[in-house]
Amino acid sequence: EEKLARDVYLEMQKLWGLPIFENIAASEQKHMDAVLGLLDAIGIADPMGDNGRGVFTDPALQNLYDDLVGRGATSPEEALVVGAVIEDLDIRDLRLASGLSADPQIGRVLGNLERASLNHLRAFSRQLENRGVPYAPSHMDAAEYEAVIAAGNERGRGHRDA
């Protein structure tokens, strides 16, 4: 999902030139590097292999990428909604994954990724609010989303984000 986010954001940057996409895409690259380091440390092969930008081995991720890029290509506002949807999905999936391992290294990486996704969701939501576009969460309930937006940006140990 970090690659999905990075690749979609790079495409949205190319289409619309909004700085938020470039900034968060750079952050997603750092997240990909952190996940790759974790995979290497625990002896799991890189599932991305040599796939280039916008190419995914997993058909579900490929379909999601194609759908999100198509949706974001319709307007800058819809591109920002796509960014919020990606982060909303990421938060849900990271929370689910965090309960699957007691390994502290995995927990630390997943915690940093979740904090970053929360901050990214806040950034996309601010951009949408500034444009008068409401965002209805796709993967978390409305009360949880409102609590996330009301909270300030978070910092993790040694983690700097967009």
Foldseek 3Di string as FASTA:
>chain_A
DLLLLLLLLVLLCVQPVDVLSVQQSVVSVVLVVLVVVVCVVVVHDDLQPPDDRLDHPDPVSNVLSVVLSVQCNPDVLSVLLSQLQVLLVLLVVLVVVLVVDPDVSSNQSSVQSNLQSLVSNLVSCVVNVVVVHHHAHDRDHPVVNVVSNPDDRDDGVVDDGD
